[in-house]
Amino acid sequence: MINEKQMNSLFLDAEKVSVFAYAPYSKFRVGAALLCEDGSVVTGVNVENRSFGLTICAERNAVCKAISLGKLNFTALAISTPDSAEPVGPCGACRQVLGEFLAPDTPVRFAGSNGKTVNTTMGELLPFDSLHELRD
């Protein structure tokens, strides 16, 4: 299980990478950091498109990047939304994708710029997810 120091470090990784987000339309940058089972961290940012439906969220960007590196097992997720005072959690599409790869007890942290932080789990973000039972 991840400790507080590791989670703080993971959130800092998400915060640092958020500056690279491509958000010319919404001006709403998001950075995500996934802690992999092997201890490595994979990050992602949101990449907007003028056709908003084609926008790639930071969380899905990080998952796809990790998978392309051969990493499939994750132990924590952190999300930074520096352009929002309040914490903003993953959208519904991201919750579905994250639910494919993160166990229900995986810790998730998200925070905005006001210092308020939400600490939760994947299972709390996507309750009643039967996917893991279907996969086995």
Protein backbone atom coordinates (compact mmCIF):
# COMPACT_ATOMS: atom_id res chain seq x y z
CA MET A 1 0.00 0.00 0.00
CA ILE A 2 1.16 3.55 -0.68
CA ASN A 3 2.17 5.79 2.21
CA GLU A 4 1.47 9.51 2.64
CA LYS A 5 4.95 10.58 1.52
CA GLN A 6 4.62 8.56 -1.70
CA MET A 7 1.15 9.98 -2.35
CA ASN A 8 2.41 13.53 -1.82
CA SER A 9 5.24 12.88 -4.26
CA LEU A 10 2.83 11.39 -6.80
CA PHE A 11 0.58 14.45 -6.54
CA LEU A 12 3.60 16.73 -7.08
CA ASP A 13 4.34 14.75 -10.27
CA ALA A 14 0.77 15.40 -11.45
CA GLU A 15 1.06 19.06 -10.54
CA LYS A 16 4.39 19.49 -12.35
CA VAL A 17 3.23 17.85 -15.56
CA SER A 18 -0.02 19.85 -15.69
CA VAL A 19 1.90 22.83 -17.12
CA PHE A 20 2.35 20.82 -20.33
CA ALA A 21 -1.39 20.37 -20.89
CA TYR A 22 -2.70 21.56 -24.24
CA ALA A 23 -5.82 23.50 -23.24
CA PRO A 24 -6.13 26.53 -25.56
CA TYR A 25 -9.95 26.45 -25.56
CA SER A 26 -11.00 25.76 -21.97
CA LYS A 27 -7.84 27.08 -20.28
CA PHE A 28 -8.38 24.18 -17.89
CA ARG A 29 -5.14 22.23 -17.47
CA VAL A 30 -5.07 18.78 -15.90
CA GLY A 31 -2.11 16.62 -14.95
CA ALA A 32 -2.31 12.99 -13.89
CA ALA A 33 0.30 10.66 -12.40
CA LEU A 34 -0.05 6.89 -12.12
CA LEU A 35 2.14 4.97 -9.70
CA CYS A 36 2.95 1.64 -11.30
CA GLU A 37 3.38 -1.59 -9.38
CA ASP A 38 7.12 -1.55 -10.20
CA GLY A 39 7.51 1.87 -8.51
CA SER A 40 7.75 3.90 -11.70
CA VAL A 41 5.48 6.87 -12.36
CA VAL A 42 3.74 7.54 -15.66
CA THR A 43 2.20 10.95 -16.26
CA GLY A 44 -0.34 12.38 -18.66
CA VAL A 45 -1.99 15.70 -19.48
CA ASN A 46 -5.20 16.72 -21.15
CA VAL A 47 -4.92 17.42 -24.88
CA GLU A 48 -7.83 19.47 -26.19
CA ASN A 49 -9.23 19.64 -29.66
CA ARG A 50 -11.56 22.27 -31.10
CA SER A 51 -14.02 19.40 -31.44
CA PHE A 52 -14.35 18.89 -27.68
CA GLY A 53 -15.45 15.26 -28.04
CA LEU A 54 -11.99 14.46 -29.37
CA THR A 55 -10.24 15.88 -26.32
CA ILE A 56 -8.05 13.41 -24.45
CA CYS A 57 -8.23 13.64 -20.66
CA ALA A 58 -5.04 13.53 -18.60
CA GLU A 59 -6.08 10.35 -16.80
CA ARG A 60 -6.72 8.40 -20.01
CA ASN A 61 -3.56 9.85 -21.52
CA ALA A 62 -1.54 8.48 -18.57
CA VAL A 63 -3.20 5.06 -18.78
CA CYS A 64 -2.56 4.75 -22.52
CA LYS A 65 1.04 5.91 -22.11
CA ALA A 66 1.61 3.37 -19.32
CA ILE A 67 0.14 0.53 -21.35
CA SER A 68 2.30 1.47 -24.32
CA LEU A 69 5.27 1.04 -21.96
CA GLY A 70 4.07 -2.44 -20.99
CA LYS A 71 2.74 -1.41 -17.57
CA LEU A 72 -0.66 -2.79 -16.59
CA ASN A 73 -0.68 -2.73 -12.79
CA PHE A 74 -1.14 0.50 -10.86
CA THR A 75 -1.07 1.23 -7.14
CA ALA A 76 -2.17 4.89 -6.98
CA LEU A 77 -3.40 7.85 -9.03
CA ALA A 78 -3.03 11.59 -8.48
CA ILE A 79 -4.75 14.35 -10.44
CA SER A 80 -3.95 18.06 -10.38
CA THR A 81 -6.29 20.76 -11.71
CA PRO A 82 -4.34 23.99 -11.13
CA ASP A 83 -6.85 26.17 -12.99
CA SER A 84 -9.67 25.26 -10.61
CA ALA A 85 -9.77 26.42 -7.02
CA GLU A 86 -11.81 23.36 -6.07
CA PRO A 87 -10.68 19.76 -6.58
CA VAL A 88 -12.05 18.17 -9.74
CA GLY A 89 -12.30 14.39 -9.98
CA PRO A 90 -12.11 12.28 -13.12
CA CYS A 91 -14.96 12.49 -15.65
CA GLY A 92 -17.22 9.50 -16.24
CA ALA A 93 -15.28 8.27 -19.26
CA CYS A 94 -12.04 8.36 -17.29
CA ARG A 95 -13.64 6.53 -14.39
CA GLN A 96 -14.64 3.73 -16.77
CA VAL A 97 -11.14 3.48 -18.24
CA LEU A 98 -9.47 3.70 -14.83
CA GLY A 99 -11.83 1.01 -13.55
CA GLU A 100 -10.43 -1.32 -16.19
CA PHE A 101 -6.94 -1.12 -14.68
CA LEU A 102 -7.18 0.08 -11.05
CA ALA A 103 -8.44 -2.20 -8.30
CA PRO A 104 -11.31 -0.82 -6.22
CA ASP A 105 -9.00 -0.19 -3.23
CA THR A 106 -6.48 1.83 -5.29
CA PRO A 107 -5.94 5.24 -3.64
CA VAL A 108 -6.84 8.31 -5.70
CA ARG A 109 -6.03 11.91 -4.79
CA PHE A 110 -7.18 15.04 -6.58
CA ALA A 111 -6.83 18.70 -5.71
CA GLY A 112 -7.26 22.16 -7.16
CA SER A 113 -5.33 25.33 -6.48
CA ASN A 114 -6.94 26.22 -3.12
CA GLY A 115 -5.15 23.45 -1.21
CA LYS A 116 -8.31 21.41 -0.61
CA THR A 117 -7.56 17.76 -1.34
CA VAL A 118 -9.82 14.80 -1.90
CA ASN A 119 -8.47 11.38 -0.96
CA THR A 120 -10.63 8.51 -2.14
CA THR A 121 -10.39 5.13 -3.85
CA MET A 122 -11.22 3.84 -7.28
CA GLY A 123 -14.13 1.89 -5.79
CA GLU A 124 -15.61 5.07 -4.35
CA LEU A 125 -15.26 6.82 -7.71
CA LEU A 126 -16.89 3.94 -9.58
CA PRO A 127 -19.12 2.04 -7.14
CA PHE A 128 -20.78 -1.24 -8.05
CA ASP A 129 -18.22 -1.89 -10.80
CA SER A 130 -18.58 -5.53 -11.79
CA LEU A 131 -15.80 -5.39 -14.36
CA HIS A 132 -13.18 -7.06 -12.17
CA GLU A 133 -15.54 -9.95 -11.51
CA LEU A 134 -16.29 -10.31 -15.23
CA ARG A 135 -12.61 -10.29 -16.17
CA ASP A 136 -11.60 -13.17 -13.89
